[in-house]
C-alpha atoms as a PDB file:
ATOM      1  CA  MET A   1       2.763   6.186   5.780  1.00  0.00           C
ATOM      2  CA  THR A   2       4.004   5.542   2.255  1.00  0.00           C
ATOM      3  CA  ILE A   3       2.356   2.014   2.465  1.00  0.00           C
ATOM      4  CA  ALA A   4      -0.919   3.658   3.588  1.00  0.00           C
ATOM      5  CA  GLY A   5      -0.754   6.120   0.601  1.00  0.00           C
ATOM      6  CA  VAL A   6       0.086   3.347  -2.126  1.00  0.00           C
ATOM      7  CA  GLN A   7      -2.952   1.204  -0.632  1.00  0.00           C
ATOM      8  CA  ALA A   8      -5.427   4.022  -0.798  1.00  0.00           C
ATOM      9  CA  GLY A   9      -4.765   4.174  -4.584  1.00  0.00           C
ATOM     10  CA  ASN A  10      -4.984   0.273  -4.735  1.00  0.00           C
ATOM     11  CA  LEU A  11      -8.261   0.485  -3.000  1.00  0.00           C
ATOM     12  CA  ILE A  12      -9.641   3.019  -5.473  1.00  0.00           C
ATOM     13  CA  GLY A  13      -8.691   0.899  -8.466  1.00  0.00           C
ATOM     14  CA  GLY A  14      -9.940  -2.359  -6.690  1.00  0.00           C
ATOM     15  CA  SER A  15     -13.229  -1.112  -5.882  1.00  0.00           C
ATOM     16  CA  ILE A  16     -14.164  -1.102  -9.558  1.00  0.00           C
ATOM     17  CA  VAL A  17     -13.406  -4.749  -9.914  1.00  0.00           C
ATOM     18  CA  VAL A  18     -15.146  -5.657  -6.614  1.00  0.00           C
ATOM     19  CA  GLU A  19     -18.319  -3.642  -7.780  1.00  0.00           C
ATOM     20  CA  THR A  20     -18.063  -5.657 -11.209  1.00  0.00           C
ATOM     21  CA  VAL A  21     -17.642  -8.940  -9.644  1.00  0.00           C
ATOM     22  CA  PHE A  22     -20.542  -8.583  -7.099  1.00  0.00           C
ATOM     23  CA  GLY A  23     -22.727  -6.938  -9.649  1.00  0.00           C
ATOM     24  CA  TRP A  24     -23.492  -3.510  -7.830  1.00  0.00           C
ATOM     25  CA  PRO A  25     -25.332  -1.212 -10.028  1.00  0.00           C
ATOM     26  CA  ALA A  26     -23.064   1.729  -9.651  1.00  0.00           C
ATOM     27  CA  SER A  27     -20.269   0.205 -11.767  1.00  0.00           C
ATOM     28  CA  ALA A  28     -22.603  -1.765 -13.983  1.00  0.00           C
ATOM     29  CA  ARG A  29     -23.988   1.571 -15.307  1.00  0.00           C
ATOM     30  CA  CYS A  30     -20.699   2.847 -15.928  1.00  0.00           C
ATOM     31  CA  LEU A  31     -19.500  -0.157 -17.749  1.00  0.00           C
ATOM     32  CA  GLN A  32     -22.563  -0.231 -19.888  1.00  0.00           C
ATOM     33  CA  ARG A  33     -21.806   3.251 -20.872  1.00  0.00           C
ATOM     34  CA  LEU A  34     -18.206   2.730 -21.432  1.00  0.00           C
ATOM     35  CA  GLN A  35     -18.955  -0.040 -23.719  1.00  0.00           C
ATOM     36  CA  SER A  36     -21.251   2.148 -25.777  1.00  0.00           C
ATOM     37  CA  ARG A  37     -18.086   4.385 -26.200  1.00  0.00           C
ATOM     38  CA  ASP A  38     -18.961   7.231 -23.820  1.00  0.00           C
ATOM     39  CA  LEU A  39     -15.696   9.138 -23.838  1.00  0.00           C
ATOM     40  CA  ASN A  40     -16.637  11.845 -21.680  1.00  0.00           C
ATOM     41  CA  LEU A  41     -17.519   9.487 -18.933  1.00  0.00           C
ATOM     42  CA  LEU A  42     -14.210   7.594 -19.658  1.00  0.00           C
ATOM     43  CA  LEU A  43     -12.272  10.712 -19.350  1.00  0.00           C
ATOM     44  CA  ALA A  44     -14.027  11.862 -16.176  1.00  0.00           C
ATOM     45  CA  ILE A  45     -13.280   8.774 -14.512  1.00  0.00           C
ATOM     46  CA  PHE A  46      -9.649   8.630 -15.334  1.00  0.00           C
ATOM     47  CA  PHE A  47      -9.467  12.377 -14.348  1.00  0.00           C
ATOM     48  CA  MET A  48     -11.192  12.025 -11.058  1.00  0.00           C
ATOM     49  CA  SER A  49      -9.110   8.888 -10.035  1.00  0.00           C
ATOM     50  CA  ALA A  50      -5.776  10.699 -10.968  1.00  0.00           C
ATOM     51  CA  CYS A  51      -6.747  13.652  -8.952  1.00  0.00           C
ATOM     52  CA  LEU A  52      -7.836  11.656  -5.869  1.00  0.00           C
ATOM     53  CA  ILE A  53      -4.556   9.850  -5.844  1.00  0.00           C
ATOM     54  CA  VAL A  54      -2.533  12.932  -6.359  1.00  0.00           C
ATOM     55  CA  ILE A  55      -4.391  14.439  -3.297  1.00  0.00           C
ATOM     56  CA  ILE A  56      -3.715  11.186  -1.204  1.00  0.00           C
ATOM     57  CA  ASN A  57      -0.161  11.440  -2.001  1.00  0.00           C
ATOM     58  CA  LEU A  58       0.062  15.067  -1.198  1.00  0.00           C
ATOM     59  CA  ALA A  59      -1.593  14.225   2.226  1.00  0.00           C
ATOM     60  CA  VAL A  60       0.949  11.638   2.772  1.00  0.00           C
ATOM     61  CA  ASP A  61       3.835  14.173   2.281  1.00  0.00           C
ATOM     62  CA  VAL A  62       2.121  16.702   4.641  1.00  0.00           C
ATOM     63  CA  ILE A  63       1.565  14.051   7.315  1.00  0.00           C
ATOM     64  CA  TYR A  64       5.461  13.111   7.198  1.00  0.00           C
ATOM     65  CA  VAL A  65       6.243  16.846   7.666  1.00  0.00           C
ATOM     66  CA  MET A  66       3.977  16.826  10.658  1.00  0.00           C
ATOM     67  CA  LEU A  67       5.351  13.622  12.267  1.00  0.00           C
ATOM     68  CA  ASP A  68       8.819  14.540  11.588  1.00  0.00           C
ATOM     69  CA  PRO A  69       9.440  18.286  11.734  1.00  0.00           C
ATOM     70  CA  ARG A  70      13.269  17.855  10.636  1.00  0.00           C
ATOM     71  CA  MET A  71      12.023  17.137   7.030  1.00  0.00           C
ATOM     72  CA  GLU A  72      11.205  20.109   4.757  1.00  0.00           C
ATOM     73  CA  ILE A  73       8.700  20.282   1.871  1.00  0.00           C
END
């Protein structure tokens, strides 16, 4: 379960690299706006990715408790 949680975070970060390499328009637009120093977009991206990783880690901890009832939160 721990490895699945860590890998989910890596997938989120790696998706930006894949989109950039293959030239998919979603990340290209974001990168253009970042190069023009759109700080609100940069903050939103960091905030959303951090929240998503925290939610994934919380879900992994809840699944641990469901799988092994001896554990406590």
